[in-house]
Amino acid sequence: MGDSVREVVVVGSGVAGLSAAVYAARADLAPVVVSGDEPGGQLTLTSGVENYLGFPEGVGGHELVSRGRDQAEQFGAEFVTGTVVDADLADRPFELTLSSGETLRARALIVASGASARTLGVPGEDELMGYGLSTCATCDGAFHRGNDVLVVGGGDAAMEEALFLTKFADTVTVAHRREELRSSGVLARRARDHEDIEFRWNAELAELHGSPDDGVTGATLVSHPDGYPVRRRDDGESVETERLDVQGVFYAIGHTPNTAFLEDTPVDLDPAGYVDADPETTATAVEGVFAAGDVADARYQQAISAAGTGAMAALDAEEYLDERAAAAERARDSPPTPTA
């Protein structure tokens, strides 16, 4: 990348990063986009997107992000492969070290590195992600009309997913590794009282069955009366095994924001690691650094909201750069202060 200073660097190439790149490029800021560990973000794990504005017939996740990248490049955005492993945000210009060893310098930074859904690493997981295995009921629930589905988790997110899925699925089974839910009282009560939701207590997912062609065809659970059966199984204890005939599995075990490169910077992170941005803008605690998408959103985590905040971040960055340029021009035009 050389020693040149870029106007804007966007970290992340999911919907938020691509939206920011389109807006920044159209403003002639020639943004550089660092693609990240998961080019295209979590949307690439979704085989079909039906709730994104402008696609009444739905659109594939890969196609949507591919179109977004093409659009950003058409306006002049540049993409580089890799991740940011270190960031110096104390001085101007900002300096970012990439996993490739290259260094990027920027006057403004848009953090759109997203959040990665936690997974379990069970057999069948890699092959079936996006083919019946999902981390977002709001995204993929409608594909399971009339199906039997499994939700893995016991917190608020799991109960919200389970309740949402009852709008489409015939039955929803919730597997939780303990006998008590971590979810709040209201959500837990609603889920436990719902006639279409069943619970498997002290149970964990051990294996997924199916193929990309057939989708999910079943799931194997292990259980133990004292909970945490996978750990007990791995320690040699006896556990019970059950095969569920389900056509969809939803992980609701949380997300991890991709903010490791910000941990030693002045950017404020909340206790869960999400970027703490101004609720009315995308500004962070560091002037000139903005955040967009799931990296600063632990609540909605939808493609449409991520795209919106990506556009906002680019507009905020453009305004910030314009103000800095105007201030520098005023300083040049101001006569020197006479000395005594």
C-alpha atoms as a PDB file:
ATOM      1  CA  MET A   1       0.000   0.000   0.000  1.00  0.00           C
ATOM      2  CA  GLY A   2       2.999   2.291   0.298  1.00  0.00           C
ATOM      3  CA  ASP A   3       3.131   5.375   2.501  1.00  0.00           C
ATOM      4  CA  SER A   4       0.135   7.157   0.961  1.00  0.00           C
ATOM      5  CA  VAL A   5      -2.596   8.313   3.299  1.00  0.00           C
ATOM      6  CA  ARG A   6      -6.105   7.219   2.353  1.00  0.00           C
ATOM      7  CA  GLU A   7      -9.121   9.361   3.066  1.00  0.00           C
ATOM      8  CA  VAL A   8     -11.235   6.449   4.347  1.00  0.00           C
ATOM      9  CA  VAL A   9     -10.512   2.846   5.245  1.00  0.00           C
ATOM     10  CA  VAL A  10     -13.460   0.509   5.805  1.00  0.00           C
ATOM     11  CA  VAL A  11     -12.774  -2.578   7.916  1.00  0.00           C
ATOM     12  CA  GLY A  12     -15.143  -5.351   6.876  1.00  0.00           C
ATOM     13  CA  SER A  13     -16.882  -6.359   3.650  1.00  0.00           C
ATOM     14  CA  GLY A  14     -20.309  -7.418   4.872  1.00  0.00           C
ATOM     15  CA  VAL A  15     -23.441  -5.437   4.088  1.00  0.00           C
ATOM     16  CA  ALA A  16     -22.446  -2.596   6.438  1.00  0.00           C
ATOM     17  CA  GLY A  17     -18.955  -2.300   4.991  1.00  0.00           C
ATOM     18  CA  LEU A  18     -20.180  -2.502   1.409  1.00  0.00           C
ATOM     19  CA  SER A  19     -22.836   0.131   2.005  1.00  0.00           C
ATOM     20  CA  ALA A  20     -20.229   2.401   3.581  1.00  0.00           C
ATOM     21  CA  ALA A  21     -17.907   1.776   0.629  1.00  0.00           C
ATOM     22  CA  VAL A  22     -20.599   2.676  -1.915  1.00  0.00           C
ATOM     23  CA  TYR A  23     -21.441   5.938  -0.166  1.00  0.00           C
ATOM     24  CA  ALA A  24     -17.810   6.869   0.462  1.00  0.00           C
ATOM     25  CA  ALA A  25     -16.818   6.066  -3.118  1.00  0.00           C
ATOM     26  CA  ARG A  26     -19.671   8.136  -4.530  1.00  0.00           C
ATOM     27  CA  ALA A  27     -18.377  11.020  -2.406  1.00  0.00           C
ATOM     28  CA  ASP A  28     -14.999  10.683  -4.198  1.00  0.00           C
ATOM     29  CA  LEU A  29     -13.257   9.518  -1.036  1.00  0.00           C
ATOM     30  CA  ALA A  30     -11.696   6.485  -2.782  1.00  0.00           C
ATOM     31  CA  PRO A  31     -12.220   4.113   0.174  1.00  0.00           C
ATOM     32  CA  VAL A  32     -10.097   1.056   0.779  1.00  0.00           C
ATOM     33  CA  VAL A  33     -12.063  -1.932   2.097  1.00  0.00           C
ATOM     34  CA  VAL A  34     -10.294  -4.577   4.184  1.00  0.00           C
ATOM     35  CA  SER A  35     -12.249  -7.746   3.411  1.00  0.00           C
ATOM     36  CA  GLY A  36     -11.862  -9.478   6.803  1.00  0.00           C
ATOM     37  CA  ASP A  37     -11.890 -13.127   7.875  1.00  0.00           C
ATOM     38  CA  GLU A  38     -15.319 -13.722   6.338  1.00  0.00           C
ATOM     39  CA  PRO A  39     -15.498 -11.748   3.070  1.00  0.00           C
ATOM     40  CA  GLY A  40     -19.111 -10.759   2.643  1.00  0.00           C
ATOM     41  CA  GLY A  41     -19.922 -11.293   6.313  1.00  0.00           C
ATOM     42  CA  GLN A  42     -22.533 -13.574   7.841  1.00  0.00           C
ATOM     43  CA  LEU A  43     -24.941 -13.028   4.968  1.00  0.00           C
ATOM     44  CA  THR A  44     -22.873 -15.415   2.863  1.00  0.00           C
ATOM     45  CA  LEU A  45     -23.995 -18.188   5.237  1.00  0.00           C
ATOM     46  CA  THR A  46     -27.620 -17.607   4.227  1.00  0.00           C
ATOM     47  CA  SER A  47     -28.761 -19.427   1.101  1.00  0.00           C
ATOM     48  CA  GLY A  48     -31.698 -17.086   0.537  1.00  0.00           C
ATOM     49  CA  VAL A  49     -32.661 -13.614   1.759  1.00  0.00           C
ATOM     50  CA  GLU A  50     -36.354 -12.769   1.541  1.00  0.00           C
ATOM     51  CA  ASN A  51     -36.613  -9.693   3.750  1.00  0.00           C
ATOM     52  CA  TYR A  52     -34.142  -7.331   2.061  1.00  0.00           C
ATOM     53  CA  LEU A  53     -35.843  -4.355   0.447  1.00  0.00           C
ATOM     54  CA  GLY A  54     -36.048  -4.469  -3.327  1.00  0.00           C
ATOM     55  CA  PHE A  55     -35.941  -8.249  -3.828  1.00  0.00           C
ATOM     56  CA  PRO A  56     -39.570  -9.445  -3.716  1.00  0.00           C
ATOM     57  CA  GLU A  57     -38.548 -12.882  -5.014  1.00  0.00           C
ATOM     58  CA  GLY A  58     -35.664 -13.137  -2.567  1.00  0.00           C
ATOM     59  CA  VAL A  59     -31.950 -13.132  -3.292  1.00  0.00           C
ATOM     60  CA  GLY A  60     -29.053 -15.382  -2.364  1.00  0.00           C
ATOM     61  CA  GLY A  61     -26.723 -14.110   0.311  1.00  0.00           C
ATOM     62  CA  HIS A  62     -23.675 -14.553  -1.924  1.00  0.00           C
ATOM     63  CA  GLU A  63     -25.411 -12.753  -4.777  1.00  0.00           C
ATOM     64  CA  LEU A  64     -26.415  -9.808  -2.599  1.00  0.00           C
ATOM     65  CA  VAL A  65     -22.912  -9.184  -1.279  1.00  0.00           C
ATOM     66  CA  SER A  66     -21.385  -9.813  -4.708  1.00  0.00           C
ATOM     67  CA  ARG A  67     -23.647  -7.157  -6.195  1.00  0.00           C
ATOM     68  CA  GLY A  68     -22.712  -4.818  -3.365  1.00  0.00           C
ATOM     69  CA  ARG A  69     -19.014  -5.296  -4.017  1.00  0.00           C
ATOM     70  CA  ASP A  70     -19.471  -4.755  -7.750  1.00  0.00           C
ATOM     71  CA  GLN A  71     -21.376  -1.559  -7.015  1.00  0.00           C
ATOM     72  CA  ALA A  72     -18.693  -0.265  -4.644  1.00  0.00           C
ATOM     73  CA  GLU A  73     -15.896  -1.067  -7.123  1.00  0.00           C
ATOM     74  CA  GLN A  74     -17.830   0.609  -9.909  1.00  0.00           C
ATOM     75  CA  PHE A  75     -17.700   3.862  -7.943  1.00  0.00           C
ATOM     76  CA  GLY A  76     -13.999   3.515  -7.161  1.00  0.00           C
ATOM     77  CA  ALA A  77     -13.667   1.508  -3.948  1.00  0.00           C
ATOM     78  CA  GLU A  78     -10.568  -0.659  -3.611  1.00  0.00           C
ATOM     79  CA  PHE A  79     -10.608  -4.040  -1.840  1.00  0.00           C
ATOM     80  CA  VAL A  80      -7.687  -5.684  -0.067  1.00  0.00           C
ATOM     81  CA  THR A  81      -7.605  -9.209   1.331  1.00  0.00           C
ATOM     82  CA  GLY A  82      -6.887  -9.806   5.001  1.00  0.00           C
ATOM     83  CA  THR A  83      -7.755  -8.628   8.472  1.00  0.00           C
ATOM     84  CA  VAL A  84      -6.599  -5.822  10.719  1.00  0.00           C
ATOM     85  CA  VAL A  85      -4.338  -7.250  13.426  1.00  0.00           C
ATOM     86  CA  ASP A  86      -3.253  -3.979  15.016  1.00  0.00           C
ATOM     87  CA  ALA A  87      -4.509  -0.412  15.035  1.00  0.00           C
ATOM     88  CA  ASP A  88      -2.781   2.790  16.133  1.00  0.00           C
ATOM     89  CA  LEU A  89      -5.589   5.296  16.609  1.00  0.00           C
ATOM     90  CA  ALA A  90      -3.840   7.651  19.007  1.00  0.00           C
ATOM     91  CA  ASP A  91      -2.166   9.706  16.278  1.00  0.00           C
ATOM     92  CA  ARG A  92      -3.202  11.136  12.912  1.00  0.00           C
ATOM     93  CA  PRO A  93      -3.305   9.669  10.381  1.00  0.00           C
ATOM     94  CA  PHE A  94      -4.544   6.364  11.784  1.00  0.00           C
ATOM     95  CA  GLU A  95      -2.296   3.383  11.083  1.00  0.00           C
ATOM     96  CA  LEU A  96      -3.606  -0.146  10.536  1.00  0.00           C
ATOM     97  CA  THR A  97      -1.441  -3.257  10.301  1.00  0.00           C
ATOM     98  CA  LEU A  98      -2.928  -6.046   8.188  1.00  0.00           C
ATOM     99  CA  SER A  99      -2.502  -9.796   8.520  1.00  0.00           C
ATOM    100  CA  SER A 100      -0.549  -9.673   5.246  1.00  0.00           C
ATOM    101  CA  GLY A 101       2.049  -7.446   6.906  1.00  0.00           C
ATOM    102  CA  GLU A 102       0.985  -4.415   4.914  1.00  0.00           C
ATOM    103  CA  THR A 103       0.191  -1.092   6.577  1.00  0.00           C
ATOM    104  CA  LEU A 104      -2.710   1.218   5.766  1.00  0.00           C
ATOM    105  CA  ARG A 105      -2.817   4.866   6.836  1.00  0.00           C
ATOM    106  CA  ALA A 106      -6.121   6.728   6.888  1.00  0.00           C
ATOM    107  CA  ARG A 107      -7.624  10.039   7.866  1.00  0.00           C
ATOM    108  CA  ALA A 108     -10.962   8.400   8.741  1.00  0.00           C
ATOM    109  CA  LEU A 109     -11.840   4.855   9.726  1.00  0.00           C
ATOM    110  CA  ILE A 110     -15.140   2.978   9.459  1.00  0.00           C
ATOM    111  CA  VAL A 111     -15.283  -0.169  11.587  1.00  0.00           C
ATOM    112  CA  ALA A 112     -17.737  -2.617  10.009  1.00  0.00           C
ATOM    113  CA  SER A 113     -16.044  -5.852  11.007  1.00  0.00           C
ATOM    114  CA  GLY A 114     -19.263  -7.506  12.150  1.00  0.00           C
ATOM    115  CA  ALA A 115     -19.899 -10.169  14.743  1.00  0.00           C
ATOM    116  CA  SER A 116     -19.383 -13.899  14.297  1.00  0.00           C
ATOM    117  CA  ALA A 117     -22.065 -16.294  15.441  1.00  0.00           C
ATOM    118  CA  ARG A 118     -20.825 -18.805  17.962  1.00  0.00           C
ATOM    119  CA  THR A 119     -20.858 -22.370  16.747  1.00  0.00           C
ATOM    120  CA  LEU A 120     -20.455 -25.782  18.357  1.00  0.00           C
ATOM    121  CA  GLY A 121     -18.071 -27.599  16.053  1.00  0.00           C
ATOM    122  CA  VAL A 122     -20.229 -30.735  15.898  1.00  0.00           C
ATOM    123  CA  PRO A 123     -20.064 -33.187  12.985  1.00  0.00           C
ATOM    124  CA  GLY A 124     -22.106 -31.960  10.029  1.00  0.00           C
ATOM    125  CA  GLU A 125     -21.968 -28.297  11.058  1.00  0.00           C
ATOM    126  CA  ASP A 126     -19.615 -27.027   8.370  1.00  0.00           C
ATOM    127  CA  GLU A 127     -21.386 -28.889   5.576  1.00  0.00           C
ATOM    128  CA  LEU A 128     -24.898 -27.825   6.577  1.00  0.00           C
ATOM    129  CA  MET A 129     -24.382 -24.169   7.533  1.00  0.00           C
ATOM    130  CA  GLY A 130     -26.758 -22.335   5.226  1.00  0.00           C
ATOM    131  CA  TYR A 131     -28.451 -25.596   4.185  1.00  0.00           C
ATOM    132  CA  GLY A 132     -30.903 -25.982   7.028  1.00  0.00           C
ATOM    133  CA  LEU A 133     -28.496 -24.896   9.776  1.00  0.00           C
ATOM    134  CA  SER A 134     -28.826 -21.206  10.560  1.00  0.00           C
ATOM    135  CA  THR A 135     -27.838 -18.633  13.151  1.00  0.00           C
ATOM    136  CA  CYS A 136     -30.750 -16.292  12.380  1.00  0.00           C
ATOM    137  CA  ALA A 137     -34.411 -17.272  12.642  1.00  0.00           C
ATOM    138  CA  THR A 138     -35.537 -13.879  11.371  1.00  0.00           C
ATOM    139  CA  CYS A 139     -33.464 -14.454   8.241  1.00  0.00           C
ATOM    140  CA  ASP A 140     -34.303 -18.091   7.548  1.00  0.00           C
ATOM    141  CA  GLY A 141     -37.400 -19.006   9.529  1.00  0.00           C
ATOM    142  CA  ALA A 142     -39.781 -18.568   6.602  1.00  0.00           C
ATOM    143  CA  PHE A 143     -37.977 -21.357   4.722  1.00  0.00           C
ATOM    144  CA  HIS A 144     -39.264 -23.825   7.318  1.00  0.00           C
ATOM    145  CA  ARG A 145     -43.025 -23.557   6.900  1.00  0.00           C
ATOM    146  CA  GLY A 146     -44.539 -26.818   8.038  1.00  0.00           C
ATOM    147  CA  ASN A 147     -41.205 -28.236   9.200  1.00  0.00           C
ATOM    148  CA  ASP A 148     -40.021 -29.491  12.549  1.00  0.00           C
ATOM    149  CA  VAL A 149     -37.068 -27.449  13.802  1.00  0.00           C
ATOM    150  CA  LEU A 150     -34.570 -27.419  16.655  1.00  0.00           C
ATOM    151  CA  VAL A 151     -33.289 -24.366  18.537  1.00  0.00           C
ATOM    152  CA  VAL A 152     -30.055 -24.719  20.496  1.00  0.00           C
ATOM    153  CA  GLY A 153     -29.681 -22.377  23.473  1.00  0.00           C
ATOM    154  CA  GLY A 154     -31.334 -21.233  26.675  1.00  0.00           C
ATOM    155  CA  GLY A 155     -31.027 -17.451  26.818  1.00  0.00           C
ATOM    156  CA  ASP A 156     -33.259 -14.602  25.670  1.00  0.00           C
ATOM    157  CA  ALA A 157     -32.097 -14.977  22.066  1.00  0.00           C
ATOM    158  CA  ALA A 158     -33.018 -18.663  22.035  1.00  0.00           C
ATOM    159  CA  MET A 159     -36.497 -17.987  23.390  1.00  0.00           C
ATOM    160  CA  GLU A 160     -37.037 -15.175  20.892  1.00  0.00           C
ATOM    161  CA  GLU A 161     -35.922 -17.464  18.068  1.00  0.00           C
ATOM    162  CA  ALA A 162     -38.160 -20.293  19.253  1.00  0.00           C
ATOM    163  CA  LEU A 163     -41.212 -18.056  19.571  1.00  0.00           C
ATOM    164  CA  PHE A 164     -40.592 -16.498  16.171  1.00  0.00           C
ATOM    165  CA  LEU A 165     -40.225 -19.911  14.540  1.00  0.00           C
ATOM    166  CA  THR A 166     -43.666 -21.004  15.759  1.00  0.00           C
ATOM    167  CA  LYS A 167     -45.089 -18.690  13.073  1.00  0.00           C
ATOM    168  CA  PHE A 168     -43.769 -21.075  10.420  1.00  0.00           C
ATOM    169  CA  ALA A 169     -42.746 -24.441  11.834  1.00  0.00           C
ATOM    170  CA  ASP A 170     -45.089 -27.206  12.927  1.00  0.00           C
ATOM    171  CA  THR A 171     -43.035 -27.912  16.027  1.00  0.00           C
ATOM    172  CA  VAL A 172     -40.083 -26.230  17.701  1.00  0.00           C
ATOM    173  CA  THR A 173     -37.811 -28.149  20.046  1.00  0.00           C
ATOM    174  CA  VAL A 174     -35.419 -26.256  22.309  1.00  0.00           C
ATOM    175  CA  ALA A 175     -32.312 -28.069  23.546  1.00  0.00           C
ATOM    176  CA  HIS A 176     -30.648 -26.565  26.602  1.00  0.00           C
ATOM    177  CA  ARG A 177     -27.669 -28.009  28.403  1.00  0.00           C
ATOM    178  CA  ARG A 178     -29.057 -27.229  31.842  1.00  0.00           C
ATOM    179  CA  GLU A 179     -32.424 -27.663  33.563  1.00  0.00           C
ATOM    180  CA  GLU A 180     -33.054 -23.949  34.021  1.00  0.00           C
ATOM    181  CA  LEU A 181     -33.228 -21.321  31.300  1.00  0.00           C
ATOM    182  CA  ARG A 182     -30.965 -18.296  31.355  1.00  0.00           C
ATOM    183  CA  SER A 183     -33.732 -16.315  29.661  1.00  0.00           C
ATOM    184  CA  SER A 184     -35.699 -13.593  31.418  1.00  0.00           C
ATOM    185  CA  GLY A 185     -38.952 -14.519  33.145  1.00  0.00           C
ATOM    186  CA  VAL A 186     -41.392 -13.189  30.543  1.00  0.00           C
ATOM    187  CA  LEU A 187     -39.734 -14.778  27.515  1.00  0.00           C
ATOM    188  CA  ALA A 188     -39.118 -18.031  29.348  1.00  0.00           C
ATOM    189  CA  ARG A 189     -42.723 -18.214  30.477  1.00  0.00           C
ATOM    190  CA  ARG A 190     -44.087 -17.477  27.014  1.00  0.00           C
ATOM    191  CA  ALA A 191     -41.893 -20.159  25.465  1.00  0.00           C
ATOM    192  CA  ARG A 192     -42.649 -22.771  28.107  1.00  0.00           C
ATOM    193  CA  ASP A 193     -46.372 -22.116  27.813  1.00  0.00           C
ATOM    194  CA  HIS A 194     -46.460 -22.252  24.013  1.00  0.00           C
ATOM    195  CA  GLU A 195     -48.180 -25.373  22.724  1.00  0.00           C
ATOM    196  CA  ASP A 196     -45.838 -25.757  19.748  1.00  0.00           C
ATOM    197  CA  ILE A 197     -42.584 -25.552  21.726  1.00  0.00           C
ATOM    198  CA  GLU A 198     -41.059 -28.579  23.423  1.00  0.00           C
ATOM    199  CA  PHE A 199     -37.947 -28.633  25.596  1.00  0.00           C
ATOM    200  CA  ARG A 200     -35.113 -31.099  25.920  1.00  0.00           C
ATOM    201  CA  TRP A 201     -33.535 -30.306  29.263  1.00  0.00           C
ATOM    202  CA  ASN A 202     -29.934 -31.168  30.151  1.00  0.00           C
ATOM    203  CA  ALA A 203     -29.401 -31.865  26.450  1.00  0.00           C
ATOM    204  CA  GLU A 204     -26.870 -30.731  23.877  1.00  0.00           C
ATOM    205  CA  LEU A 205     -26.446 -31.110  20.150  1.00  0.00           C
ATOM    206  CA  ALA A 206     -23.935 -33.834  19.288  1.00  0.00           C
ATOM    207  CA  GLU A 207     -24.305 -34.258  15.519  1.00  0.00           C
ATOM    208  CA  LEU A 208     -26.189 -32.923  12.507  1.00  0.00           C
ATOM    209  CA  HIS A 209     -27.445 -35.143   9.702  1.00  0.00           C
ATOM    210  CA  GLY A 210     -28.128 -34.323   6.079  1.00  0.00           C
ATOM    211  CA  SER A 211     -26.339 -32.906   3.067  1.00  0.00           C
ATOM    212  CA  PRO A 212     -26.241 -29.659   1.074  1.00  0.00           C
ATOM    213  CA  ASP A 213     -28.536 -31.297  -1.489  1.00  0.00           C
ATOM    214  CA  ASP A 214     -31.064 -32.639   1.016  1.00  0.00           C
ATOM    215  CA  GLY A 215     -30.642 -30.044   3.743  1.00  0.00           C
ATOM    216  CA  VAL A 216     -30.853 -30.976   7.411  1.00  0.00           C
ATOM    217  CA  THR A 217     -32.592 -34.324   7.906  1.00  0.00           C
ATOM    218  CA  GLY A 218     -32.033 -34.817  11.616  1.00  0.00           C
ATOM    219  CA  ALA A 219     -30.044 -34.030  14.735  1.00  0.00           C
ATOM    220  CA  THR A 220     -28.555 -36.176  17.468  1.00  0.00           C
ATOM    221  CA  LEU A 221     -28.828 -34.953  21.055  1.00  0.00           C
ATOM    222  CA  VAL A 222     -27.041 -36.266  24.112  1.00  0.00           C
ATOM    223  CA  SER A 223     -28.430 -35.759  27.600  1.00  0.00           C
ATOM    224  CA  HIS A 224     -27.487 -36.311  31.231  1.00  0.00           C
ATOM    225  CA  PRO A 225     -29.687 -35.692  34.295  1.00  0.00           C
ATOM    226  CA  ASP A 226     -27.055 -33.396  35.822  1.00  0.00           C
ATOM    227  CA  GLY A 227     -26.618 -31.281  32.693  1.00  0.00           C
ATOM    228  CA  TYR A 228     -23.655 -30.451  30.421  1.00  0.00           C
ATOM    229  CA  PRO A 229     -23.807 -33.864  28.742  1.00  0.00           C
ATOM    230  CA  VAL A 230     -21.167 -33.255  26.067  1.00  0.00           C
ATOM    231  CA  ARG A 231     -18.545 -32.502  28.682  1.00  0.00           C
ATOM    232  CA  ARG A 232     -19.604 -35.564  30.675  1.00  0.00           C
ATOM    233  CA  ARG A 233     -19.531 -37.736  27.547  1.00  0.00           C
ATOM    234  CA  ASP A 234     -16.037 -36.528  26.725  1.00  0.00           C
ATOM    235  CA  ASP A 235     -15.000 -37.347  30.313  1.00  0.00           C
ATOM    236  CA  GLY A 236     -16.189 -40.931  29.821  1.00  0.00           C
ATOM    237  CA  GLU A 237     -19.510 -40.708  31.638  1.00  0.00           C
ATOM    238  CA  SER A 238     -22.569 -42.453  30.272  1.00  0.00           C
ATOM    239  CA  VAL A 239     -25.094 -40.231  28.463  1.00  0.00           C
ATOM    240  CA  GLU A 240     -28.368 -40.858  26.696  1.00  0.00           C
ATOM    241  CA  THR A 241     -28.633 -40.364  22.936  1.00  0.00           C
ATOM    242  CA  GLU A 242     -31.698 -39.248  20.987  1.00  0.00           C
ATOM    243  CA  ARG A 243     -32.188 -38.733  17.239  1.00  0.00           C
ATOM    244  CA  LEU A 244     -34.637 -35.949  16.309  1.00  0.00           C
ATOM    245  CA  ASP A 245     -36.242 -35.833  12.882  1.00  0.00           C
ATOM    246  CA  VAL A 246     -35.959 -32.127  12.160  1.00  0.00           C
ATOM    247  CA  GLN A 247     -35.535 -30.200   8.926  1.00  0.00           C
ATOM    248  CA  GLY A 248     -33.990 -27.093  10.419  1.00  0.00           C
ATOM    249  CA  VAL A 249     -31.569 -26.261  13.244  1.00  0.00           C
ATOM    250  CA  PHE A 250     -31.011 -22.778  14.656  1.00  0.00           C
ATOM    251  CA  TYR A 251     -28.069 -21.834  16.833  1.00  0.00           C
ATOM    252  CA  ALA A 252     -28.962 -19.185  19.415  1.00  0.00           C
ATOM    253  CA  ILE A 253     -25.838 -19.289  21.559  1.00  0.00           C
ATOM    254  CA  GLY A 254     -24.651 -15.751  21.010  1.00  0.00           C
ATOM    255  CA  HIS A 255     -22.273 -13.760  18.835  1.00  0.00           C
ATOM    256  CA  THR A 256     -18.713 -12.552  19.272  1.00  0.00           C
ATOM    257  CA  PRO A 257     -18.021  -9.060  17.877  1.00  0.00           C
ATOM    258  CA  ASN A 258     -14.912  -8.895  15.722  1.00  0.00           C
ATOM    259  CA  THR A 259     -13.194  -6.178  17.727  1.00  0.00           C
ATOM    260  CA  ALA A 260      -9.973  -7.803  18.933  1.00  0.00           C
ATOM    261  CA  PHE A 261      -7.917  -5.254  16.967  1.00  0.00           C
ATOM    262  CA  LEU A 262      -9.576  -2.430  18.928  1.00  0.00           C
ATOM    263  CA  GLU A 263      -8.966  -3.747  22.427  1.00  0.00           C
ATOM    264  CA  ASP A 264      -5.802  -1.697  23.028  1.00  0.00           C
ATOM    265  CA  THR A 265      -7.102   1.459  21.344  1.00  0.00           C
ATOM    266  CA  PRO A 266      -9.056   4.445  22.735  1.00  0.00           C
ATOM    267  CA  VAL A 267     -12.258   3.157  21.072  1.00  0.00           C
ATOM    268  CA  ASP A 268     -14.742   2.260  23.818  1.00  0.00           C
ATOM    269  CA  LEU A 269     -16.096  -1.293  23.848  1.00  0.00           C
ATOM    270  CA  ASP A 270     -18.993  -2.507  25.965  1.00  0.00           C
ATOM    271  CA  PRO A 271     -18.554  -5.499  28.336  1.00  0.00           C
ATOM    272  CA  ALA A 272     -19.483  -7.910  25.530  1.00  0.00           C
ATOM    273  CA  GLY A 273     -16.909  -6.396  23.181  1.00  0.00           C
ATOM    274  CA  TYR A 274     -19.255  -4.430  20.905  1.00  0.00           C
ATOM    275  CA  VAL A 275     -18.184  -0.946  19.816  1.00  0.00           C
ATOM    276  CA  ASP A 276     -19.856   1.696  21.969  1.00  0.00           C
ATOM    277  CA  ALA A 277     -21.011   4.234  19.382  1.00  0.00           C
ATOM    278  CA  ASP A 278     -23.028   7.435  19.724  1.00  0.00           C
ATOM    279  CA  PRO A 279     -26.717   6.371  19.677  1.00  0.00           C
ATOM    280  CA  GLU A 280     -27.639   9.221  17.330  1.00  0.00           C
ATOM    281  CA  THR A 281     -24.679   8.874  14.930  1.00  0.00           C
ATOM    282  CA  THR A 282     -22.028   6.287  14.194  1.00  0.00           C
ATOM    283  CA  ALA A 283     -19.265   8.197  15.992  1.00  0.00           C
ATOM    284  CA  THR A 284     -17.068   6.415  18.509  1.00  0.00           C
ATOM    285  CA  ALA A 285     -14.976   7.751  21.377  1.00  0.00           C
ATOM    286  CA  VAL A 286     -12.174   8.464  18.892  1.00  0.00           C
ATOM    287  CA  GLU A 287     -12.738  11.426  16.602  1.00  0.00           C
ATOM    288  CA  GLY A 288     -12.653  10.206  13.017  1.00  0.00           C
ATOM    289  CA  VAL A 289     -13.522   6.601  13.825  1.00  0.00           C
ATOM    290  CA  PHE A 290     -17.049   5.416  13.058  1.00  0.00           C
ATOM    291  CA  ALA A 291     -18.808   2.086  13.562  1.00  0.00           C
ATOM    292  CA  ALA A 292     -21.495   0.386  11.495  1.00  0.00           C
ATOM    293  CA  GLY A 293     -23.386  -2.880  11.402  1.00  0.00           C
ATOM    294  CA  ASP A 294     -23.311  -5.816  13.785  1.00  0.00           C
ATOM    295  CA  VAL A 295     -20.005  -4.774  15.359  1.00  0.00           C
ATOM    296  CA  ALA A 296     -21.945  -2.038  17.166  1.00  0.00           C
ATOM    297  CA  ASP A 297     -25.377  -3.689  17.214  1.00  0.00           C
ATOM    298  CA  ALA A 298     -26.016  -6.529  19.638  1.00  0.00           C
ATOM    299  CA  ARG A 299     -29.786  -6.217  19.252  1.00  0.00           C
ATOM    300  CA  TYR A 300     -31.083  -6.150  15.679  1.00  0.00           C
ATOM    301  CA  GLN A 301     -28.271  -7.712  13.629  1.00  0.00           C
ATOM    302  CA  GLN A 302     -30.201  -7.554  10.378  1.00  0.00           C
ATOM    303  CA  ALA A 303     -28.811  -6.952   6.898  1.00  0.00           C
ATOM    304  CA  ILE A 304     -31.120  -4.002   6.284  1.00  0.00           C
ATOM    305  CA  SER A 305     -30.150  -2.207   9.508  1.00  0.00           C
ATOM    306  CA  ALA A 306     -26.466  -2.926   8.882  1.00  0.00           C
ATOM    307  CA  ALA A 307     -26.709  -1.398   5.417  1.00  0.00           C
ATOM    308  CA  GLY A 308     -28.379   1.680   6.882  1.00  0.00           C
ATOM    309  CA  THR A 309     -25.689   2.274   9.476  1.00  0.00           C
ATOM    310  CA  GLY A 310     -23.030   1.684   6.834  1.00  0.00           C
ATOM    311  CA  ALA A 311     -24.446   4.563   4.819  1.00  0.00           C
ATOM    312  CA  MET A 312     -24.641   6.687   7.961  1.00  0.00           C
ATOM    313  CA  ALA A 313     -21.001   5.974   8.809  1.00  0.00           C
ATOM    314  CA  ALA A 314     -19.854   7.051   5.347  1.00  0.00           C
ATOM    315  CA  LEU A 315     -21.864  10.271   5.589  1.00  0.00           C
ATOM    316  CA  ASP A 316     -20.450  10.921   9.066  1.00  0.00           C
ATOM    317  CA  ALA A 317     -16.918  10.275   7.812  1.00  0.00           C
ATOM    318  CA  GLU A 318     -17.438  12.608   4.852  1.00  0.00           C
ATOM    319  CA  GLU A 319     -18.675  15.382   7.151  1.00  0.00           C
ATOM    320  CA  TYR A 320     -15.741  14.839   9.515  1.00  0.00           C
ATOM    321  CA  LEU A 321     -13.205  15.056   6.682  1.00  0.00           C
ATOM    322  CA  ASP A 322     -14.866  18.165   5.238  1.00  0.00           C
ATOM    323  CA  GLU A 323     -14.735  19.877   8.631  1.00  0.00           C
ATOM    324  CA  ARG A 324     -11.060  18.996   9.081  1.00  0.00           C
ATOM    325  CA  ALA A 325     -10.237  20.288   5.618  1.00  0.00           C
ATOM    326  CA  ALA A 326     -12.128  23.525   6.273  1.00  0.00           C
ATOM    327  CA  ALA A 327     -10.361  23.988   9.613  1.00  0.00           C
ATOM    328  CA  ALA A 328      -6.963  23.448   7.986  1.00  0.00           C
ATOM    329  CA  GLU A 329      -7.794  25.995   5.289  1.00  0.00           C
ATOM    330  CA  ARG A 330      -8.875  28.559   7.871  1.00  0.00           C
ATOM    331  CA  ALA A 331      -5.635  28.003   9.755  1.00  0.00           C
ATOM    332  CA  ARG A 332      -3.607  28.611   6.586  1.00  0.00           C
ATOM    333  CA  ASP A 333      -5.532  31.795   5.799  1.00  0.00           C
ATOM    334  CA  SER A 334      -5.306  33.231   9.301  1.00  0.00           C
ATOM    335  CA  PRO A 335      -2.535  35.828   9.756  1.00  0.00           C
ATOM    336  CA  PRO A 336       0.086  34.931  12.339  1.00  0.00           C
ATOM    337  CA  THR A 337      -0.521  36.295  15.812  1.00  0.00           C
ATOM    338  CA  PRO A 338       1.841  39.222  16.455  1.00  0.00           C
ATOM    339  CA  THR A 339       4.297  38.772  19.259  1.00  0.00           C
ATOM    340  CA  ALA A 340       5.246  41.428  21.791  1.00  0.00           C
END
